[in-house]
Structure formats: C-alpha cells, structure tokens
Amino acid sequence: MKQTNRPRTALLALAAVPVLALPVAATAVQPMMYEQKVARHEESLVIQNPIGGVQNSKWYDYRINVNESRKELASDLRHASDIEDQRDAWEEYGTELHQERGKYVKYMSKRGYRVPQVYFENL
C-alpha cells in the first residue's frame, strides 16, 4: 500500500495561513496623524443647519465650500506620494473648514443671528 503525505500537506497549509495574514493585519492599523485629528475635530464642528433657520446665499456658499473641501481632500490623498503630502492635505482641509465656518458665523452675527451654544453649570 502506498503512503501519502496528506497530513503533512494539511499541516503545512495551516501553518502558512497566519504568515499570509500578518502583512494585512499590520497595515490595517495605523496611528492617526496629528493633522488628521485636528481636521476630524473641525469636521465635527461643521454647521449642519442654517443659523437662525435662515437659508440665504451665505448658507449655500458655506455648504458648497465644505463639500468642495471634502472633494479636494479626497483628491489630494489619492495623489499623495508620501506622508508629508498626506499631512499637507489634512492640514489644508482642517484650515479650510475652520475658515469657512468662521466667515459664515461672522456674517450671520453681523445680521443679529448667533450660533446656539449650550453651557453646563455646577457639574
């Protein structure tokens, strides 16, 4: 009767699986860059509803500029060749969001509308 090496082959195949999965797992978790954290924070501060419920040209300009900034970030990240390009893209994105929000809030505050804020006392 002829002997087969099937148990060895199966054992060898099982041993190779974790080795193949290692590069995928190692690249899946990357620390977030400082610029990306700042940009994500600015992204969380994007105004979702018009101040005072007033939908004027400044509100639409603000929303268009935010969407354009997002598209530009995606394009910049696609074309980034190194970590510095990625940092520059995230920094530019965060700065643009901050500036656009500031311009919109300043314009609306001159018209007598304020951004709603909540204050907690005695916590």
N, C-alpha and C. Protein backbone atom coordinates (compact mmCIF):
# COMPACT_ATOMS: atom_id res chain seq x y z
N MET A 1 0.84 -1.17 0.00
CA MET A 1 0.00 0.00 0.00
C MET A 1 0.89 1.24 0.00
N LYS A 2 0.48 2.22 -0.80
CA LYS A 2 1.27 3.43 -0.96
C LYS A 2 0.92 4.44 0.14
N GLN A 3 1.96 5.04 0.73
CA GLN A 3 1.74 6.05 1.77
C GLN A 3 1.63 7.42 1.13
N THR A 4 0.76 8.23 1.67
CA THR A 4 0.61 9.59 1.16
C THR A 4 1.08 10.59 2.21
N ASN A 5 1.42 11.74 1.76
CA ASN A 5 1.89 12.80 2.66
C ASN A 5 0.79 13.83 2.93
N ARG A 6 -0.43 13.44 2.86
CA ARG A 6 -1.54 14.38 3.06
C ARG A 6 -1.52 15.04 4.44
N PRO A 7 -1.28 14.35 5.52
CA PRO A 7 -1.27 15.04 6.81
C PRO A 7 -0.22 16.15 6.85
N ARG A 8 0.93 15.91 6.27
CA ARG A 8 1.97 16.94 6.25
C ARG A 8 1.53 18.14 5.41
N THR A 9 0.91 17.89 4.28
CA THR A 9 0.46 18.97 3.41
C THR A 9 -0.59 19.83 4.11
N ALA A 10 -1.52 19.19 4.79
CA ALA A 10 -2.56 19.93 5.50
C ALA A 10 -1.95 20.75 6.63
N LEU A 11 -1.00 20.16 7.34
CA LEU A 11 -0.35 20.86 8.44
C LEU A 11 0.47 22.04 7.91
N LEU A 12 1.15 21.85 6.81
CA LEU A 12 1.93 22.92 6.20
C LEU A 12 1.02 24.05 5.72
N ALA A 13 -0.13 23.72 5.16
CA ALA A 13 -1.07 24.73 4.68
C ALA A 13 -1.62 25.54 5.85
N LEU A 14 -1.91 24.91 6.96
CA LEU A 14 -2.43 25.62 8.13
C LEU A 14 -1.37 26.53 8.74
N ALA A 15 -0.12 26.12 8.68
CA ALA A 15 0.95 26.95 9.24
C ALA A 15 1.20 28.18 8.38
N ALA A 16 0.91 28.12 7.09
CA ALA A 16 1.16 29.24 6.20
C ALA A 16 0.09 30.32 6.27
N VAL A 17 -1.11 29.99 6.74
CA VAL A 17 -2.22 30.96 6.79
C VAL A 17 -1.90 32.16 7.67
N PRO A 18 -1.42 31.99 8.92
CA PRO A 18 -1.13 33.17 9.72
C PRO A 18 -0.03 34.04 9.13
N VAL A 19 0.92 33.44 8.47
CA VAL A 19 2.01 34.20 7.86
C VAL A 19 1.47 35.09 6.75
N LEU A 20 0.52 34.59 5.98
CA LEU A 20 -0.06 35.38 4.90
C LEU A 20 -0.93 36.51 5.44
N ALA A 21 -1.58 36.30 6.56
CA ALA A 21 -2.47 37.31 7.13
C ALA A 21 -1.71 38.41 7.86
N LEU A 22 -0.48 38.19 8.22
CA LEU A 22 0.28 39.16 9.00
C LEU A 22 0.45 40.50 8.29
N PRO A 23 0.86 40.57 7.03
CA PRO A 23 1.01 41.88 6.41
C PRO A 23 -0.30 42.66 6.32
N VAL A 24 -1.41 41.99 6.09
CA VAL A 24 -2.70 42.67 6.01
C VAL A 24 -3.06 43.24 7.37
N ALA A 25 -2.89 42.48 8.43
CA ALA A 25 -3.21 42.95 9.77
C ALA A 25 -2.26 44.07 10.21
N ALA A 26 -1.02 43.99 9.82
CA ALA A 26 -0.05 45.00 10.22
C ALA A 26 -0.32 46.34 9.55
N THR A 27 -0.80 46.34 8.33
CA THR A 27 -1.07 47.59 7.64
C THR A 27 -2.46 48.14 7.94
N ALA A 28 -3.35 47.35 8.50
CA ALA A 28 -4.72 47.79 8.76
C ALA A 28 -4.79 48.82 9.88
N VAL A 29 -3.92 48.74 10.86
CA VAL A 29 -3.95 49.65 12.00
C VAL A 29 -2.78 50.61 11.89
N GLN A 30 -3.10 51.87 11.63
CA GLN A 30 -2.08 52.90 11.56
C GLN A 30 -2.47 54.01 12.52
N PRO A 31 -1.51 54.57 13.21
CA PRO A 31 -1.87 55.67 14.11
C PRO A 31 -2.34 56.89 13.31
N MET A 32 -3.28 57.62 13.88
CA MET A 32 -3.81 58.80 13.21
C MET A 32 -2.82 59.96 13.34
N MET A 33 -2.59 60.65 12.26
CA MET A 33 -1.68 61.79 12.27
C MET A 33 -2.33 62.94 13.04
N TYR A 34 -1.48 63.82 13.59
CA TYR A 34 -1.98 64.97 14.34
C TYR A 34 -2.86 65.84 13.45
N GLU A 35 -2.42 66.09 12.22
CA GLU A 35 -3.19 66.92 11.30
C GLU A 35 -4.55 66.31 11.00
N GLN A 36 -4.59 64.98 10.94
CA GLN A 36 -5.86 64.31 10.68
C GLN A 36 -6.79 64.45 11.89
N LYS A 37 -6.24 64.37 13.10
CA LYS A 37 -7.06 64.55 14.29
C LYS A 37 -7.67 65.95 14.33
N VAL A 38 -6.85 66.95 14.04
CA VAL A 38 -7.33 68.33 14.04
C VAL A 38 -8.42 68.51 12.98
N ALA A 39 -8.19 67.96 11.79
CA ALA A 39 -9.17 68.08 10.70
C ALA A 39 -10.46 67.36 11.06
N ARG A 40 -10.37 66.20 11.68
CA ARG A 40 -11.57 65.47 12.10
C ARG A 40 -12.36 66.26 13.13
N HIS A 41 -11.64 66.95 14.03
CA HIS A 41 -12.32 67.79 15.02
C HIS A 41 -13.05 68.94 14.31
N GLU A 42 -12.38 69.58 13.37
CA GLU A 42 -13.01 70.66 12.60
C GLU A 42 -14.22 70.13 11.83
N GLU A 43 -14.10 68.91 11.34
CA GLU A 43 -15.20 68.28 10.61
C GLU A 43 -16.41 68.08 11.52
N SER A 44 -16.16 67.76 12.78
CA SER A 44 -17.27 67.57 13.71
C SER A 44 -17.96 68.89 14.05
N LEU A 45 -17.30 70.02 13.79
CA LEU A 45 -17.87 71.33 14.08
C LEU A 45 -18.58 71.96 12.88
N VAL A 46 -18.64 71.22 11.78
CA VAL A 46 -19.34 71.74 10.59
C VAL A 46 -20.80 71.97 10.95
N ILE A 47 -21.29 73.14 10.60
CA ILE A 47 -22.67 73.52 10.92
C ILE A 47 -23.62 72.75 9.99
N GLN A 48 -24.55 72.02 10.60
CA GLN A 48 -25.44 71.16 9.83
C GLN A 48 -26.73 71.86 9.40
N ASN A 49 -27.17 72.84 10.17
CA ASN A 49 -28.40 73.58 9.86
C ASN A 49 -28.09 75.07 9.81
N PRO A 50 -28.82 75.81 9.00
CA PRO A 50 -28.54 77.25 8.90
C PRO A 50 -28.77 77.94 10.24
N ILE A 51 -27.93 78.91 10.53
CA ILE A 51 -28.03 79.67 11.78
C ILE A 51 -29.34 80.46 11.75
N GLY A 52 -30.13 80.32 12.79
CA GLY A 52 -31.41 81.03 12.87
C GLY A 52 -32.44 80.52 11.88
N GLY A 53 -32.16 79.42 11.22
CA GLY A 53 -33.09 78.88 10.23
C GLY A 53 -33.13 79.69 8.94
N VAL A 54 -32.18 80.60 8.77
CA VAL A 54 -32.16 81.46 7.59
C VAL A 54 -31.30 80.82 6.50
N GLN A 55 -31.96 80.44 5.42
CA GLN A 55 -31.25 79.85 4.30
C GLN A 55 -31.01 80.93 3.25
N ASN A 56 -29.89 81.59 3.37
CA ASN A 56 -29.55 82.66 2.44
C ASN A 56 -28.36 82.23 1.58
N SER A 57 -27.86 83.14 0.76
CA SER A 57 -26.76 82.80 -0.14
C SER A 57 -25.49 82.43 0.63
N LYS A 58 -25.28 83.03 1.79
CA LYS A 58 -24.09 82.69 2.59
C LYS A 58 -24.17 81.26 3.11
N TRP A 59 -25.36 80.80 3.45
CA TRP A 59 -25.53 79.41 3.91
C TRP A 59 -25.19 78.45 2.77
N TYR A 60 -25.71 78.74 1.58
CA TYR A 60 -25.44 77.85 0.45
C TYR A 60 -23.96 77.90 0.04
N ASP A 61 -23.38 79.08 0.11
CA ASP A 61 -21.94 79.19 -0.17
C ASP A 61 -21.13 78.36 0.82
N TYR A 62 -21.52 78.43 2.09
CA TYR A 62 -20.83 77.66 3.13
C TYR A 62 -20.91 76.16 2.84
N ARG A 63 -22.10 75.67 2.54
CA ARG A 63 -22.27 74.23 2.27
C ARG A 63 -21.50 73.81 1.02
N ILE A 64 -21.51 74.63 0.00
CA ILE A 64 -20.77 74.32 -1.23
C ILE A 64 -19.28 74.26 -0.95
N ASN A 65 -18.77 75.21 -0.17
CA ASN A 65 -17.34 75.24 0.14
C ASN A 65 -16.92 74.06 1.00
N VAL A 66 -17.78 73.63 1.92
CA VAL A 66 -17.47 72.45 2.74
C VAL A 66 -17.40 71.21 1.85
N ASN A 67 -18.36 71.06 0.97
CA ASN A 67 -18.36 69.89 0.07
C ASN A 67 -17.16 69.92 -0.88
N GLU A 68 -16.80 71.10 -1.36
CA GLU A 68 -15.64 71.22 -2.23
C GLU A 68 -14.35 70.88 -1.49
N SER A 69 -14.28 71.27 -0.22
CA SER A 69 -13.10 70.94 0.60
C SER A 69 -12.97 69.44 0.77
N ARG A 70 -14.10 68.76 0.96
CA ARG A 70 -14.08 67.29 1.10
C ARG A 70 -13.59 66.62 -0.18
N LYS A 71 -14.08 67.10 -1.31
CA LYS A 71 -13.64 66.54 -2.59
C LYS A 71 -12.15 66.78 -2.82
N GLU A 72 -11.70 67.98 -2.47
CA GLU A 72 -10.29 68.30 -2.65
C GLU A 72 -9.41 67.44 -1.74
N LEU A 73 -9.87 67.18 -0.51
CA LEU A 73 -9.12 66.30 0.39
C LEU A 73 -8.99 64.90 -0.22
N ALA A 74 -10.09 64.37 -0.72
CA ALA A 74 -10.05 63.03 -1.32
C ALA A 74 -9.08 62.99 -2.49
N SER A 75 -9.11 64.02 -3.31
CA SER A 75 -8.20 64.08 -4.45
C SER A 75 -6.75 64.19 -4.00
N ASP A 76 -6.49 65.06 -3.01
CA ASP A 76 -5.12 65.23 -2.51
C ASP A 76 -4.59 63.95 -1.89
N LEU A 77 -5.44 63.22 -1.16
CA LEU A 77 -4.98 61.97 -0.54
C LEU A 77 -4.72 60.90 -1.59
N ARG A 78 -5.52 60.89 -2.65
CA ARG A 78 -5.29 59.92 -3.73
C ARG A 78 -3.96 60.16 -4.41
N HIS A 79 -3.59 61.42 -4.55
CA HIS A 79 -2.37 61.76 -5.27
C HIS A 79 -1.16 61.93 -4.35
N ALA A 80 -1.34 61.70 -3.05
CA ALA A 80 -0.22 61.85 -2.11
C ALA A 80 0.80 60.75 -2.35
N SER A 81 2.06 61.14 -2.42
CA SER A 81 3.12 60.16 -2.68
C SER A 81 3.89 59.80 -1.41
N ASP A 82 3.76 60.61 -0.37
CA ASP A 82 4.45 60.30 0.88
C ASP A 82 3.66 60.86 2.06
N ILE A 83 4.18 60.68 3.26
CA ILE A 83 3.49 61.09 4.48
C ILE A 83 3.35 62.61 4.55
N GLU A 84 4.32 63.34 4.03
CA GLU A 84 4.25 64.81 4.06
C GLU A 84 3.09 65.32 3.20
N ASP A 85 2.88 64.69 2.06
CA ASP A 85 1.74 65.08 1.21
C ASP A 85 0.42 64.83 1.94
N GLN A 86 0.34 63.71 2.65
CA GLN A 86 -0.87 63.40 3.42
C GLN A 86 -1.08 64.43 4.53
N ARG A 87 -0.01 64.77 5.24
CA ARG A 87 -0.10 65.77 6.30
C ARG A 87 -0.56 67.11 5.74
N ASP A 88 0.01 67.51 4.62
CA ASP A 88 -0.38 68.78 4.00
C ASP A 88 -1.86 68.78 3.60
N ALA A 89 -2.33 67.65 3.06
CA ALA A 89 -3.72 67.55 2.64
C ALA A 89 -4.66 67.69 3.84
N TRP A 90 -4.37 66.97 4.92
CA TRP A 90 -5.21 67.05 6.11
C TRP A 90 -5.17 68.44 6.74
N GLU A 91 -3.98 69.05 6.77
CA GLU A 91 -3.86 70.38 7.36
C GLU A 91 -4.66 71.41 6.54
N GLU A 92 -4.55 71.33 5.24
CA GLU A 92 -5.29 72.25 4.37
C GLU A 92 -6.79 72.07 4.55
N TYR A 93 -7.24 70.83 4.66
CA TYR A 93 -8.66 70.52 4.84
C TYR A 93 -9.18 71.12 6.15
N GLY A 94 -8.46 70.90 7.23
CA GLY A 94 -8.88 71.44 8.53
C GLY A 94 -8.91 72.95 8.53
N THR A 95 -7.92 73.56 7.92
CA THR A 95 -7.85 75.02 7.85
C THR A 95 -9.01 75.59 7.04
N GLU A 96 -9.31 74.96 5.92
CA GLU A 96 -10.42 75.43 5.09
C GLU A 96 -11.74 75.34 5.82
N LEU A 97 -11.99 74.23 6.52
CA LEU A 97 -13.23 74.08 7.27
C LEU A 97 -13.35 75.16 8.35
N HIS A 98 -12.25 75.40 9.05
CA HIS A 98 -12.23 76.41 10.11
C HIS A 98 -12.52 77.80 9.55
N GLN A 99 -11.88 78.15 8.46
CA GLN A 99 -12.06 79.47 7.86
C GLN A 99 -13.48 79.66 7.32
N GLU A 100 -14.01 78.66 6.66
CA GLU A 100 -15.35 78.77 6.10
C GLU A 100 -16.40 78.92 7.20
N ARG A 101 -16.25 78.15 8.28
CA ARG A 101 -17.18 78.27 9.40
C ARG A 101 -17.09 79.67 10.01
N GLY A 102 -15.87 80.16 10.18
CA GLY A 102 -15.67 81.49 10.76
C GLY A 102 -16.29 82.58 9.92
N LYS A 103 -16.13 82.50 8.59
CA LYS A 103 -16.72 83.52 7.71
C LYS A 103 -18.25 83.50 7.79
N TYR A 104 -18.83 82.30 7.80
CA TYR A 104 -20.28 82.19 7.85
C TYR A 104 -20.83 82.70 9.18
N VAL A 105 -20.21 82.31 10.27
CA VAL A 105 -20.67 82.73 11.60
C VAL A 105 -20.52 84.25 11.75
N LYS A 106 -19.43 84.80 11.28
CA LYS A 106 -19.20 86.24 11.37
C LYS A 106 -20.26 87.00 10.58
N TYR A 107 -20.55 86.54 9.37
CA TYR A 107 -21.56 87.19 8.55
C TYR A 107 -22.92 87.15 9.25
N MET A 108 -23.29 85.99 9.77
CA MET A 108 -24.60 85.86 10.41
C MET A 108 -24.66 86.65 11.72
N SER A 109 -23.57 86.75 12.44
CA SER A 109 -23.59 87.51 13.69
C SER A 109 -23.74 89.00 13.40
N LYS A 110 -23.22 89.48 12.29
CA LYS A 110 -23.43 90.88 11.91
C LYS A 110 -24.89 91.14 11.59
N ARG A 111 -25.61 90.12 11.18
CA ARG A 111 -27.04 90.25 10.87
C ARG A 111 -27.91 90.03 12.11
N GLY A 112 -27.27 89.76 13.25
CA GLY A 112 -28.02 89.59 14.50
C GLY A 112 -28.33 88.16 14.88
N TYR A 113 -27.79 87.21 14.15
CA TYR A 113 -28.01 85.79 14.46
C TYR A 113 -26.78 85.22 15.15
N ARG A 114 -26.99 84.42 16.16
CA ARG A 114 -25.89 83.83 16.90
C ARG A 114 -25.93 82.30 16.76
N VAL A 115 -24.76 81.71 16.85
CA VAL A 115 -24.66 80.25 16.84
C VAL A 115 -25.15 79.75 18.19
N PRO A 116 -26.11 78.84 18.22
CA PRO A 116 -26.61 78.33 19.51
C PRO A 116 -25.49 77.60 20.26
N GLN A 117 -25.40 77.88 21.56
CA GLN A 117 -24.43 77.21 22.41
C GLN A 117 -25.12 76.77 23.70
N VAL A 118 -24.64 75.68 24.25
CA VAL A 118 -25.19 75.15 25.49
C VAL A 118 -24.11 75.20 26.55
N TYR A 119 -24.44 75.74 27.72
CA TYR A 119 -23.50 75.83 28.82
C TYR A 119 -24.02 75.00 29.98
N PHE A 120 -23.13 74.23 30.61
CA PHE A 120 -23.49 73.44 31.77
C PHE A 120 -22.84 74.07 33.00
N GLU A 121 -23.62 74.24 34.05
CA GLU A 121 -23.08 74.79 35.29
C GLU A 121 -23.24 73.76 36.39
N ASN A 122 -22.36 73.85 37.38
CA ASN A 122 -22.43 73.01 38.59
C ASN A 122 -22.42 71.53 38.28
N LEU A 123 -21.51 71.11 37.47
CA LEU A 123 -21.39 69.68 37.18
C LEU A 123 -20.62 68.99 38.21
